[in-house]
Protein backbone atom coordinates (compact mmCIF):
# COMPACT_ATOMS: atom_id res chain seq x y z
CA MET A 1 0.04 0.16 -0.26
CA ASN A 2 1.35 3.38 -0.64
CA ARG A 3 1.94 6.36 1.19
CA ALA A 4 -1.13 8.34 -0.28
CA LEU A 5 -3.53 5.90 -0.19
CA THR A 6 -2.22 4.80 3.62
CA PHE A 7 -2.73 8.39 4.86
CA THR A 8 -6.00 8.75 3.00
CA LEU A 9 -7.39 5.49 4.86
CA ILE A 10 -6.36 6.71 8.25
CA GLY A 11 -8.02 10.55 7.26
CA LEU A 12 -11.20 8.57 6.29
CA ALA A 13 -10.96 6.33 9.35
CA ALA A 14 -10.82 9.72 11.89
CA SER A 15 -13.61 11.43 9.72
CA LEU A 16 -16.13 8.89 10.15
CA PHE A 17 -15.24 8.17 13.78
CA ALA A 18 -15.78 11.90 14.82
CA CYS A 19 -18.47 11.62 12.93
CA ALA A 20 -20.08 9.14 15.35
CA THR A 21 -18.88 10.74 18.34
CA SER A 22 -20.55 13.97 16.93
CA SER A 23 -23.71 12.77 15.91
CA THR A 24 -23.94 10.71 19.28
CA LEU A 25 -23.41 14.59 20.93
CA LEU A 26 -25.65 15.95 18.66
CA ARG A 27 -28.26 13.38 19.93
CA MET A 28 -27.85 14.23 23.03
CA HIS A 29 -27.92 17.73 22.49
CA ALA A 30 -31.37 16.99 21.05
CA VAL A 31 -33.45 15.01 24.24
CA GLY A 32 -30.46 14.82 26.53
CA THR A 33 -29.76 11.28 26.28
CA SER A 34 -28.52 8.63 23.31
CA ASP A 35 -28.18 5.06 22.98
CA LEU A 36 -24.26 5.13 22.83
CA GLY A 37 -23.79 1.57 21.79
CA ILE A 38 -20.62 0.07 21.56
CA LEU A 39 -18.87 3.73 23.91
CA ALA A 40 -21.63 3.38 26.33
CA GLY A 41 -19.87 3.57 29.65
CA ALA A 42 -17.93 6.37 27.50
CA CYS A 43 -20.05 9.10 29.59
CA GLY A 44 -20.54 7.57 32.97
CA GLU A 45 -23.88 5.51 33.49
CA ASP A 46 -26.09 7.82 32.40
CA GLY A 47 -24.09 10.22 29.99
CA ALA A 48 -24.34 12.85 32.57
CA SER A 49 -20.70 14.01 32.24
CA CYS A 50 -20.90 14.92 28.09
CA SER A 51 -24.20 16.56 28.97
CA LYS A 52 -22.71 18.75 31.50
CA VAL A 53 -20.14 20.12 28.59
CA ILE A 54 -22.97 20.24 26.24
CA SER A 55 -25.08 21.69 28.08
CA SER A 56 -23.01 24.72 29.17
CA ARG A 57 -22.39 28.41 27.78
CA TRP A 58 -19.58 26.60 25.42
CA GLY A 59 -21.99 24.28 23.88
CA VAL A 60 -24.03 26.51 20.95
CA PHE A 61 -22.47 28.87 18.89
CA PRO A 62 -22.10 31.83 19.58
CA PRO A 63 -21.50 30.87 23.39
CA ARG A 64 -23.83 33.04 25.80
CA ALA A 65 -22.52 35.47 27.60
CA ALA A 66 -20.62 35.21 30.46
CA ASP A 67 -22.81 36.89 33.02
CA GLU A 68 -26.22 35.87 30.75
CA PRO A 69 -28.32 33.99 32.91
CA ALA A 70 -28.12 30.54 33.30
CA PRO A 71 -31.09 28.48 31.51
CA ASP A 72 -34.47 29.50 31.79
CA GLU A 73 -33.04 31.62 35.08
CA GLY A 74 -35.78 34.83 35.48
CA THR A 75 -34.61 37.82 33.31
CA ASP A 76 -35.89 41.92 34.68
CA ALA A 77 -39.29 42.48 34.50
CA GLY A 78 -40.93 42.70 31.19
CA THR A 79 -38.81 40.26 29.84
CA ARG A 80 -39.36 36.24 29.99
CA VAL A 81 -36.41 33.96 30.49
CA ALA A 82 -33.40 32.87 28.27
CA ASP A 83 -33.79 30.57 25.92
CA PRO A 84 -31.03 27.48 26.76
CA SER A 85 -30.91 26.77 22.80
CA ASP A 86 -30.27 30.16 21.07
CA GLY A 87 -27.56 29.55 18.47
CA ILE A 88 -26.04 26.48 16.81
CA PRO A 89 -25.22 23.15 18.66
CA VAL A 90 -21.37 23.04 18.69
CA ALA A 91 -21.70 19.39 18.08
CA ALA A 92 -23.67 20.03 14.57
CA LEU A 93 -21.15 22.27 13.65
CA GLY A 94 -18.82 19.45 14.71
CA LEU A 95 -20.59 17.11 12.55
CA PHE A 96 -20.77 19.23 9.56
CA TYR A 97 -17.18 19.73 9.37
CA PHE A 98 -16.14 15.98 9.95
CA THR A 99 -18.28 14.73 7.21
CA GLY A 100 -17.58 16.88 5.17
CA LEU A 101 -13.44 15.73 5.18
CA ALA A 102 -15.19 12.31 5.47
CA LEU A 103 -16.63 12.96 1.91
CA TRP A 104 -13.76 14.37 0.85
CA PHE A 105 -11.15 11.27 1.98
CA GLY A 106 -13.66 9.34 0.51
CA LEU A 107 -14.41 10.80 -3.22
CA ILE A 108 -11.18 12.86 -3.48
CA GLY A 109 -8.51 11.77 -1.48
CA ARG A 110 -5.30 13.47 -3.10
CA PRO A 111 -5.67 16.28 -5.72
CA THR A 112 -3.59 16.66 -8.68
CA GLY A 113 -3.27 19.09 -11.48
CA ARG A 114 -4.52 22.14 -11.49
CA ALA A 115 -6.67 21.37 -8.17
CA VAL A 116 -3.42 20.77 -5.84
CA HIS A 117 -4.28 23.92 -4.29
CA LEU A 118 -7.49 22.18 -2.75
CA HIS A 119 -5.26 19.85 -0.49
CA ARG A 120 -2.81 23.16 0.83
CA ALA A 121 -6.17 24.85 1.26
CA LEU A 122 -7.40 21.76 3.21
CA LYS A 123 -4.86 22.08 5.34
CA VAL A 124 -5.29 25.53 6.52
CA LEU A 125 -8.82 24.90 6.57
CA SER A 126 -7.14 22.02 9.66
CA VAL A 127 -5.74 24.04 11.46
CA PHE A 128 -8.30 26.74 12.00
CA GLY A 129 -10.46 23.34 12.81
CA GLY A 130 -7.39 22.22 15.10
CA ILE A 131 -7.28 25.11 17.09
CA ALA A 132 -10.82 25.00 17.75
CA SER A 133 -9.94 21.58 19.18
CA LEU A 134 -7.27 22.96 21.12
CA THR A 135 -9.78 25.76 22.71
CA PHE A 136 -12.32 23.60 23.37
CA LEU A 137 -10.23 21.17 25.15
CA GLY A 138 -8.38 24.10 27.10
CA LEU A 139 -12.05 24.92 27.69
CA MET A 140 -13.19 21.30 29.77
CA PHE A 141 -10.02 20.77 31.56
CA ALA A 142 -10.09 24.07 33.34
CA SER A 143 -13.73 25.06 33.63
CA VAL A 144 -16.37 22.79 32.09
CA GLY A 145 -15.03 19.76 33.10
CA LEU A 146 -14.36 16.62 31.29
CA CYS A 147 -16.29 14.78 28.00
CA SER A 148 -15.19 12.01 26.96
CA LEU A 149 -16.90 12.18 23.50
CA CYS A 150 -15.61 15.22 23.36
CA LEU A 151 -12.07 14.54 23.92
CA MET A 152 -12.54 11.36 21.11
CA SER A 153 -13.70 13.80 19.00
CA HIS A 154 -10.91 15.93 19.22
CA LEU A 155 -7.96 13.83 19.37
CA ALA A 156 -9.45 11.89 15.74
CA ASN A 157 -9.20 15.74 14.71
CA PHE A 158 -5.75 15.58 15.12
CA VAL A 159 -5.29 12.54 13.58
CA ILE A 160 -7.04 13.57 10.52
CA ILE A 161 -4.82 17.09 10.46
CA ALA A 162 -1.80 14.88 10.72
CA ALA A 163 -3.36 12.37 7.61
CA LEU A 164 -3.78 15.68 5.66
CA PHE A 165 0.19 17.33 6.79
CA LEU A 166 1.45 13.88 5.71
CA LEU A 167 -0.96 13.05 2.53
CA PRO A 168 1.85 13.91 -0.06
CA THR A 169 1.10 17.06 -2.49
CA GLY A 170 -0.63 15.32 -5.77
CA ASP A 171 1.42 16.56 -8.85
CA PRO A 172 1.17 19.68 -10.23
CA SER A 173 1.66 18.31 -13.94
CA ALA A 174 -0.71 15.24 -14.19
CA PRO A 175 -4.08 15.14 -15.04
CA THR A 176 -6.45 17.32 -13.08
CA MET A 177 -8.25 15.42 -10.16
CA PRO A 178 -10.87 15.63 -9.19
CA ARG A 179 -12.92 16.50 -12.33
CA PRO A 180 -15.55 18.90 -12.58
CA ARG A 181 -18.17 16.28 -12.50
CA LEU A 182 -16.86 14.80 -9.39
CA ALA A 183 -15.89 17.95 -7.43
CA ALA A 184 -20.09 18.89 -8.21
CA THR A 185 -21.10 15.43 -7.35
CA PHE A 186 -18.84 16.23 -3.49
CA VAL A 187 -20.84 19.67 -3.57
CA VAL A 188 -24.19 18.26 -3.98
CA LEU A 189 -23.41 15.11 -1.66
CA LEU A 190 -22.34 17.52 0.90
CA LEU A 191 -24.83 20.13 1.25
CA ALA A 192 -27.45 16.72 1.45
CA ALA A 193 -25.39 15.28 3.67
CA TRP A 194 -25.82 18.47 6.04
CA THR A 195 -29.26 19.00 5.35
CA ALA A 196 -30.04 15.96 6.49
CA GLU A 197 -28.06 15.85 9.94
CA TRP A 198 -29.36 19.59 10.47
CA LYS A 199 -33.00 18.15 9.91
CA GLY A 200 -32.44 14.38 11.47
CA TYR A 201 -31.53 17.24 15.01
CA ARG A 202 -34.69 19.25 14.35
CA ALA A 203 -36.52 15.92 14.26
CA ALA A 204 -35.03 14.45 17.49
CA ARG A 205 -36.54 17.57 19.30
CA ALA A 206 -39.77 17.01 18.64
CA GLU A 207 -42.23 15.36 22.07
CA LEU A 208 -41.43 12.23 22.70
CA TYR A 209 -43.41 11.00 25.83
CA ASP A 210 -46.95 11.95 25.18
CA ALA A 211 -46.80 10.07 22.28
CA GLN A 212 -45.87 6.79 24.58
CA LEU A 213 -48.17 8.10 26.80
CA SER A 214 -51.20 7.98 24.03
CA GLU A 215 -49.92 4.81 22.56
CA VAL A 216 -49.87 2.63 25.55
CA GLN A 217 -53.31 4.16 26.41
CA LYS A 218 -54.73 3.37 23.02
CA ASN A 219 -53.03 -0.24 23.27
CA MET A 220 -54.37 -0.91 26.65
CA GLY A 221 -57.54 -0.26 25.12
CA GLU A 222 -57.51 -2.35 22.33
CA VAL A 223 -56.74 -5.02 24.36
CA LEU A 224 -59.14 -4.75 26.92
CA GLU A 225 -61.88 -4.36 24.02
CA ARG A 226 -61.03 -7.63 22.89
CA ASP A 227 -63.39 -10.90 23.31
CA ALA A 228 -61.83 -12.88 25.87
CA GLN A 229 -63.37 -15.99 24.45
CA GLN A 230 -60.95 -14.87 21.04
CA VAL A 231 -57.73 -14.39 23.27
CA GLU A 232 -55.97 -17.05 25.20
CA VAL A 233 -55.48 -16.07 28.50
CA ALA A 234 -52.04 -16.34 28.92
CA GLN A 235 -51.28 -13.95 26.06
CA LEU A 236 -53.89 -11.89 27.02
CA GLN A 237 -52.23 -11.24 30.74
CA GLN A 238 -49.08 -11.07 29.51
CA GLU A 239 -50.04 -8.21 26.91
CA VAL A 240 -51.71 -6.29 30.03
CA GLN A 241 -47.96 -6.85 32.31
CA ASP A 242 -46.49 -5.33 29.02
CA LEU A 243 -48.85 -2.71 29.44
CA ARG A 244 -48.66 -2.13 33.03
CA SER A 245 -44.80 -2.12 33.03
CA ARG A 246 -44.70 0.37 29.91
CA LEU A 247 -47.12 2.73 32.38
CA GLY A 248 -44.99 2.13 35.43
CA GLU A 249 -42.00 3.79 33.09
CA LEU A 250 -44.33 6.58 32.22
CA GLU A 251 -45.18 6.53 36.61
CA GLU A 252 -41.59 6.78 36.89
CA LEU A 253 -40.57 9.67 34.84
CA LYS A 254 -43.58 11.57 36.12
CA ASN A 255 -42.14 11.46 39.42
CA ASP A 256 -38.40 12.84 38.42
CA ALA A 257 -38.59 16.61 38.24
CA ASP A 258 -35.15 16.66 37.09
CA ARG A 259 -36.19 14.93 33.57
CA LEU A 260 -39.64 16.42 33.30
CA GLU A 261 -37.54 19.96 33.49
CA ALA A 262 -35.01 18.26 30.72
CA LEU A 263 -37.84 17.38 28.48
CA HIS A 264 -39.62 20.47 28.80
CA LEU A 265 -36.70 23.34 28.09
CA GLN A 266 -36.50 20.88 24.78
CA GLU A 267 -40.25 22.65 23.83
CA GLU A 268 -39.81 25.92 21.46
CA PRO A 269 -41.08 28.41 23.02
CA VAL A 270 -44.42 29.92 21.34
CA GLU A 271 -46.73 33.64 20.89
CA LEU A 272 -49.89 33.24 23.11
CA ASP A 273 -50.48 36.75 21.91
CA ILE A 274 -51.02 38.26 25.47
CA ARG A 275 -52.53 41.64 26.47
CA ASP A 276 -51.73 44.38 28.40
CA ASP A 277 -55.33 44.11 30.03
CA ASP A 278 -55.58 40.41 30.73
CA PRO A 279 -57.13 39.21 34.40
CA ARG A 280 -53.43 38.18 35.36
CA ILE A 281 -51.97 37.45 39.42
CA GLU A 282 -49.69 40.17 39.38
CA HIS A 283 -45.94 39.97 40.62
CA HIS A 284 -43.59 41.77 42.53
CA GLY A 285 -41.22 43.09 39.79
CA GLY A 286 -37.87 42.48 39.35
CA ARG A 287 -36.88 38.22 37.97
CA ARG A 288 -39.68 36.02 37.55
CA MET A 289 -41.46 33.46 35.85
CA GLN A 290 -44.51 33.39 33.99
CA ILE A 291 -47.87 30.73 33.40
CA VAL A 292 -50.51 31.64 30.94
CA MET A 293 -53.25 29.45 31.58
CA PHE A 294 -55.79 28.75 28.82
CA GLY A 295 -59.20 27.90 30.98
CA ASP A 296 -63.01 26.81 30.68
CA ILE A 297 -64.87 27.66 34.14
CA GLU A 298 -66.72 24.79 33.35
CA CYS A 299 -64.17 22.22 33.30
CA GLU A 300 -62.95 19.87 36.17
CA HIS A 301 -59.51 19.58 35.33
CA CYS A 302 -59.05 23.16 35.03
CA ALA A 303 -60.53 23.65 38.44
CA GLU A 304 -58.17 20.87 40.11
CA PHE A 305 -54.65 22.57 38.14
CA TYR A 306 -56.28 26.17 39.59
CA ASP A 307 -56.33 24.80 43.00
CA PHE A 308 -53.07 22.85 43.04
CA LEU A 309 -51.30 26.32 41.23
CA ARG A 310 -53.51 28.26 44.44
CA ALA A 311 -52.33 25.96 47.00
CA GLU A 312 -49.00 24.60 45.96
CA VAL A 313 -46.96 26.44 43.17
CA LEU A 314 -47.89 30.31 44.09
CA PRO A 315 -46.23 29.66 47.54
CA LEU A 316 -43.61 28.54 46.25
CA PHE A 317 -42.77 31.30 44.57
CA ARG A 318 -43.55 33.87 46.78
CA GLY A 319 -45.29 36.44 44.42
CA ASN A 320 -42.85 36.19 42.08
CA LEU A 321 -44.88 34.42 39.35
CA GLU A 322 -47.26 36.39 36.89
CA VAL A 323 -50.34 34.03 36.23
CA VAL A 324 -52.55 35.48 33.14
CA TYR A 325 -55.42 33.70 32.19
CA LYS A 326 -56.83 32.89 28.96
CA HIS A 327 -60.33 31.99 27.79
CA LEU A 328 -61.17 28.73 25.88
CA PRO A 329 -64.29 27.43 27.00
CA LEU A 330 -65.19 24.29 24.61
CA SER A 331 -68.06 22.94 23.35
CA VAL A 332 -68.88 19.84 25.51
CA HIS A 333 -69.79 22.25 28.34
CA LYS A 334 -73.08 24.62 27.55
CA ASN A 335 -72.11 27.54 30.26
CA ALA A 336 -69.06 27.02 29.62
CA ILE A 337 -69.53 30.44 26.79
CA PRO A 338 -72.04 32.42 30.00
CA GLY A 339 -68.91 32.32 32.26
CA ALA A 340 -66.74 33.57 30.06
CA ARG A 341 -68.59 36.58 29.68
CA ALA A 342 -69.27 36.96 33.17
CA LEU A 343 -65.78 36.67 34.09
CA GLU A 344 -65.36 39.57 31.32
CA ALA A 345 -67.64 41.82 32.56
CA ALA A 346 -65.96 41.15 35.89
CA ARG A 347 -62.96 41.57 34.42
CA VAL A 348 -64.02 45.34 33.39
CA GLN A 349 -64.65 46.21 37.27
CA GLY A 350 -61.74 44.77 38.09
CA LYS A 351 -62.98 42.11 40.47
CA PHE A 352 -61.77 39.14 37.20
CA TRP A 353 -60.86 36.95 40.33
CA GLU A 354 -63.43 37.69 42.22
CA MET A 355 -65.97 36.20 40.10
CA HIS A 356 -63.33 33.27 39.01
CA ASP A 357 -63.16 31.97 42.27
CA TYR A 358 -67.24 32.40 42.97
CA LEU A 359 -67.86 30.61 39.76
CA HIS A 360 -65.28 27.75 40.56
CA ASP A 361 -66.93 26.86 43.85
CA ARG A 362 -70.18 26.69 42.15
CA ARG A 363 -68.59 24.64 39.18
CA GLU A 364 -71.23 22.15 38.43
CA GLN A 365 -74.25 24.37 39.39
CA LEU A 366 -73.24 27.17 36.89
CA SER A 367 -76.77 26.67 34.31
CA SER A 368 -78.50 27.65 38.05
CA VAL A 369 -76.29 30.97 38.85
CA ASP A 370 -77.89 34.53 38.50
CA TYR A 371 -74.84 35.97 37.99
CA LEU A 372 -76.53 40.03 38.37
CA ARG A 373 -77.09 38.97 42.36
CA VAL A 374 -73.66 37.77 42.26
CA ALA A 375 -72.04 40.87 40.65
CA GLY A 376 -74.21 42.81 43.99
CA GLU A 377 -72.98 40.28 46.46
CA LEU A 378 -69.07 40.88 44.98
CA GLY A 379 -69.98 44.69 45.09
CA LEU A 380 -69.59 45.46 41.17
CA ASP A 381 -72.02 48.05 39.37
CA VAL A 382 -74.92 45.65 38.08
CA SER A 383 -76.40 47.85 35.06
CA ARG A 384 -73.12 48.21 34.03
CA PHE A 385 -72.09 44.45 34.21
CA GLU A 386 -75.28 43.41 32.92
CA GLN A 387 -74.48 45.59 29.50
CA ASP A 388 -71.19 44.34 29.67
CA LEU A 389 -73.18 40.71 29.65
CA ARG A 390 -74.37 41.53 26.50
CA SER A 391 -70.95 43.50 25.27
CA ASP A 392 -69.90 42.50 21.55
CA GLU A 393 -66.89 43.95 22.43
CA LEU A 394 -66.34 41.26 25.19
CA MET A 395 -67.35 38.83 23.25
CA ARG A 396 -65.09 40.02 20.36
CA ARG A 397 -61.78 39.07 23.61
CA ILE A 398 -63.17 35.73 23.76
CA ASN A 399 -63.14 34.99 19.90
CA GLU A 400 -59.69 36.08 20.23
CA ASP A 401 -58.43 33.57 22.90
CA ILE A 402 -59.89 31.16 20.80
CA ARG A 403 -58.27 31.35 17.97
CA THR A 404 -55.01 31.70 19.66
CA GLY A 405 -55.83 28.57 20.92
CA MET A 406 -57.08 27.12 17.68
CA ARG A 407 -53.72 28.49 16.72
CA LEU A 408 -51.85 26.82 19.01
CA GLY A 409 -53.50 23.50 18.27
CA LEU A 410 -55.18 23.21 21.89
CA LYS A 411 -57.76 20.79 22.22
CA SER A 412 -58.27 20.46 25.69
CA THR A 413 -57.84 22.57 28.91
CA PRO A 414 -56.19 23.86 30.98
CA ALA A 415 -53.39 24.59 28.65
CA VAL A 416 -50.84 25.66 30.81
CA PHE A 417 -47.16 27.81 29.23
CA LEU A 418 -44.58 28.57 31.16
CA ASN A 419 -42.34 31.10 29.59
CA GLY A 420 -44.12 30.55 26.61
CA ARG A 421 -43.46 26.90 26.15
CA PRO A 422 -46.25 24.59 26.95
CA VAL A 423 -45.98 22.72 30.33
CA LYS A 424 -47.49 18.86 29.25
CA LYS A 425 -50.29 17.51 31.30
CA LEU A 426 -47.42 14.41 32.13
CA PHE A 427 -45.46 17.53 33.96
CA ARG A 428 -48.34 19.90 35.34
CA SER A 429 -49.23 18.32 38.54
CA ASN A 430 -45.56 17.38 39.63
CA ILE A 431 -44.86 19.96 42.22
CA GLY A 432 -40.68 18.44 42.34
CA PHE A 433 -41.07 20.52 38.54
CA TRP A 434 -42.21 23.31 40.11
CA LYS A 435 -39.58 23.48 42.74
CA LEU A 436 -37.05 23.26 40.62
CA ARG A 437 -38.67 26.34 38.38
CA ALA A 438 -38.89 28.23 41.79
CA ASP A 439 -35.49 27.58 42.75
CA ILE A 440 -34.18 29.10 39.27
CA VAL A 441 -36.07 32.33 40.02
CA ARG A 442 -34.68 32.50 43.75
CA ARG A 443 -30.77 32.17 42.86
CA SER A 444 -31.45 34.69 39.67
CA ARG A 445 -33.41 37.21 42.20
CA GLU A 446 -30.27 36.62 45.14
CA ARG A 447 -27.73 37.38 41.95
CA ALA A 448 -29.42 40.66 40.74
CA ASN A 449 -29.99 41.96 44.86
CA GLN A 450 -33.29 41.52 44.54
CA SER A 451 -35.56 40.60 48.34
CA TRP A 452 -36.89 36.80 48.04
């Protein structure tokens, strides 16, 4: 085997290995975990050491500023919480870089003729890649911590650089290689690979656990609906046992606040069309978080979440959680629209939450509620309340909230959003999840010398 072929194969092997490690790191960046295969254990039993590095401020490009709040910490009043996924994952940049090198070694190898300058250009590019590797290695050892997969990627990069510099330069007098058609093929394949890698990363961020839960529930229903006489008892018992095991795993996930938090942070923030005069439970000012709740006054689950919010969540935040209410009356509740109208009419006079709490406590008897009498008991101007109760303008506001809910694809209530990110049903009743959120606000306020 001649020297040129030897170093070409070494460069190809190192590039493919680096592609594998970078792809694994990108998968971890997207969903918080990855099947490491033969690399299992390289990042610890649960991948924690690698996760710590890729979730640091250096895990994205451009890196977050040193004084920027850590992921999902509160910000100054009137602003939203910082998005920890801002920027391009460094693992993605590494994967793009190594993919290009792998295609180069695999398709082109050593240019000749008028294309020999491409070899020199690639050497220059590899020098910059080596500088980047040295920089990130220095950051890992100095402050961030060791990531074994990252270390493997950087070591592979140094092997690639050595292979490029040891690969003999092609003969300038020989026929030009690569030919235009091969060069075009290289460019097309490179762009296609980059596009596929980026789309794969974006797809991996899709919500996983709700789909699993829906699948389990669907399968459980199918099993239970089968004709018992047509199914072997042993087979039925095994299927039920398997489904219960999967449900148990999901229940364990529900009680794992740290994993729920990681999943929540993968959700993309959405625009919620919040108005300045939307009803809200105010906060003290300064750094805080914000809940937006789409509710139906006749909805049983809305009532349960509201009780949980008042009794357990709000006390955790000590007045540093803003709660905004949006209407989403469901067609299955005949009293939902009249109730929403009454809430809006009370809001105009500054008594939204008083009316809400009154109707909340009488949710099952809304059809018999005398709204005008209730308005009088709450100290409202009854004449104005009666006029607003029939107001087209207030009904328009309710319909605007409904259209926002439809745009977001909401099909049930309550729909809860924290700092613009949807809080899944699996998360919202987990007090550990809310304790972690409250602790983030506490630490953020303490750093800003704001009272807690």
